[in-house]
Protein backbone atom coordinates (compact mmCIF):
# COMPACT_ATOMS: atom_id res chain seq x y z
CA MET A 1 -66.49 -47.12 21.09
CA SER A 2 -63.40 -46.91 23.16
CA HIS A 3 -61.83 -47.92 19.89
CA ASP A 4 -63.13 -44.91 17.72
CA LEU A 5 -61.82 -43.07 21.09
CA LEU A 6 -58.32 -44.70 20.55
CA GLU A 7 -58.22 -44.28 16.62
CA ASN A 8 -59.37 -40.21 17.15
CA ARG A 9 -56.37 -40.37 19.82
CA VAL A 10 -54.03 -41.47 17.29
CA GLY A 11 -55.37 -39.25 14.22
CA GLU A 12 -54.65 -36.41 16.57
CA VAL A 13 -50.92 -37.53 17.61
CA GLU A 14 -50.29 -38.51 13.94
CA ARG A 15 -51.42 -34.81 12.91
CA GLU A 16 -49.49 -33.38 15.73
CA GLN A 17 -46.62 -35.27 14.85
CA ALA A 18 -47.14 -34.10 11.03
CA ARG A 19 -47.18 -30.40 12.20
CA GLN A 20 -44.23 -30.65 14.72
CA GLY A 21 -42.28 -32.18 11.77
CA ALA A 22 -43.23 -29.37 9.30
CA ARG A 23 -42.17 -26.67 12.17
CA LEU A 24 -39.37 -28.72 12.33
CA GLU A 25 -38.21 -28.51 8.78
CA ARG A 26 -39.00 -24.83 8.85
CA ILE A 27 -36.84 -24.35 11.82
CA GLU A 28 -34.08 -26.16 10.39
CA LEU A 29 -34.23 -24.54 7.12
CA ASP A 30 -34.12 -20.93 9.13
CA MET A 31 -30.84 -22.31 10.60
CA SER A 32 -29.24 -23.55 7.66
CA LYS A 33 -30.14 -19.62 6.26
CA ALA A 34 -28.37 -18.60 9.75
CA ASN A 35 -25.38 -20.59 9.57
CA ALA A 36 -24.82 -19.77 6.14
CA GLY A 37 -25.33 -15.85 6.79
CA ILE A 38 -22.39 -16.45 9.87
CA ASP A 39 -20.05 -18.48 7.28
CA LYS A 40 -19.99 -15.33 5.40
CA LEU A 41 -19.78 -13.21 7.79
CA LEU A 42 -16.39 -15.04 9.19
CA GLU A 43 -15.23 -15.41 5.77
CA ARG A 44 -15.85 -11.30 5.44
CA ASP A 45 -14.28 -11.26 8.50
CA GLN A 46 -10.84 -12.82 7.44
CA LYS A 47 -10.51 -11.24 4.48
CA ARG A 48 -10.79 -8.20 5.72
CA PRO A 49 -6.93 -6.08 6.08
CA GLN A 50 -5.01 -5.99 9.85
CA ALA A 51 -5.67 -3.03 11.20
CA ILE A 52 -2.52 -0.62 11.40
CA THR A 53 -0.67 -0.84 14.88
CA TRP A 54 1.43 1.84 16.22
CA PRO A 55 4.72 -0.22 15.64
CA ALA A 56 3.37 -0.47 11.62
CA ILE A 57 2.96 3.59 11.74
CA ALA A 58 6.98 3.92 13.22
CA GLY A 59 8.16 1.83 10.46
CA VAL A 60 6.52 3.70 7.62
CA ALA A 61 7.95 6.82 9.47
CA CYS A 62 11.28 5.34 9.70
CA GLY A 63 11.18 4.36 6.29
CA LEU A 64 10.00 7.93 4.94
CA ALA A 65 12.42 9.47 6.87
CA ALA A 66 15.50 7.44 6.13
CA VAL A 67 14.43 8.14 2.11
CA ALA A 68 14.55 11.65 3.26
CA THR A 69 18.05 11.53 4.70
CA VAL A 70 19.43 9.47 1.48
CA GLY A 71 17.61 11.76 -0.80
CA TRP A 72 18.98 15.72 1.57
CA TRP A 73 22.19 13.51 0.87
CA LEU A 74 22.24 13.02 -2.56
CA ILE A 75 21.36 16.17 -3.48
CA GLY A 76 23.54 17.49 -1.08
CA SER A 77 26.45 15.63 -2.78
CA ALA A 78 25.85 16.21 -6.15
CA PRO A 79 28.27 18.00 -8.01
CA ALA A 80 26.61 20.35 -9.28
CA VAL A 81 25.19 21.56 -6.60
CA GLN A 82 28.59 22.02 -4.68
CA ASP A 83 29.99 24.03 -7.81
CA LEU A 84 26.64 26.27 -7.43
CA ASP A 85 27.47 26.77 -3.46
CA ARG A 86 30.89 27.46 -4.45
CA ARG A 87 29.85 29.90 -6.58
CA LEU A 88 27.48 31.54 -4.55
CA SER A 89 30.23 31.98 -1.62
CA LYS A 90 32.33 33.51 -3.99
CA LEU A 91 29.94 36.46 -4.79
CA ASP A 92 28.86 36.75 -0.69
CA ASP A 93 32.62 37.00 0.07
CA PRO A 94 33.27 40.07 1.75
CA ASP A 95 37.01 40.85 -0.16
CA ILE A 96 36.35 39.51 -3.63
CA GLY A 97 32.43 38.96 -3.65
CA ARG A 98 30.77 40.70 -6.55
CA VAL A 99 28.04 41.08 -4.17
CA ARG A 100 30.16 43.50 -1.33
CA VAL A 101 31.34 45.31 -5.05
CA LEU A 102 28.01 46.10 -5.92
CA GLU A 103 26.82 47.34 -2.81
CA LYS A 104 29.97 49.80 -2.81
CA ARG A 105 28.85 51.11 -5.78
CA VAL A 106 25.18 51.88 -4.34
CA ASP A 107 26.36 53.51 -1.29
CA LYS A 108 28.30 56.01 -3.92
CA LEU A 109 25.12 56.15 -5.83
CA ASP A 110 22.61 57.07 -2.56
CA GLY A 111 25.24 60.20 -1.94
CA TRP A 112 24.83 61.25 -4.83
CA GLN A 113 22.50 64.03 -5.94
CA PRO A 114 21.65 66.21 -8.89
CA SER A 115 22.22 69.64 -8.62
CA VAL A 116 20.76 72.93 -10.74
CA VAL A 117 23.31 75.91 -11.12
CA ARG A 118 22.53 78.63 -13.37
CA ASN A 119 24.60 79.68 -16.57
């Protein structure tokens, strides 16, 4: 009788060991899936672009300001723009400018009024 009892206990231990082995396999499978997910998250995090920092923003702003300054200087120093500036200065000159001559004519016309006379 003790031999049967011993065999039953050994059988129970073997069955429990098999169940524990199956559970351990499921846990290992779940852990491998979790590790794969963590690896994917880490890879995605590594591929993420660097965050924009204040020094980067300042660098871009300085670069844009430099480009704008050079563009303004190039446009201002262009021969066509300088010629146009000279021509406009002559037009607005108080002594010889055409604008002053036109203003004088308009002043004369403002004082002129038609009158009706009897024949």
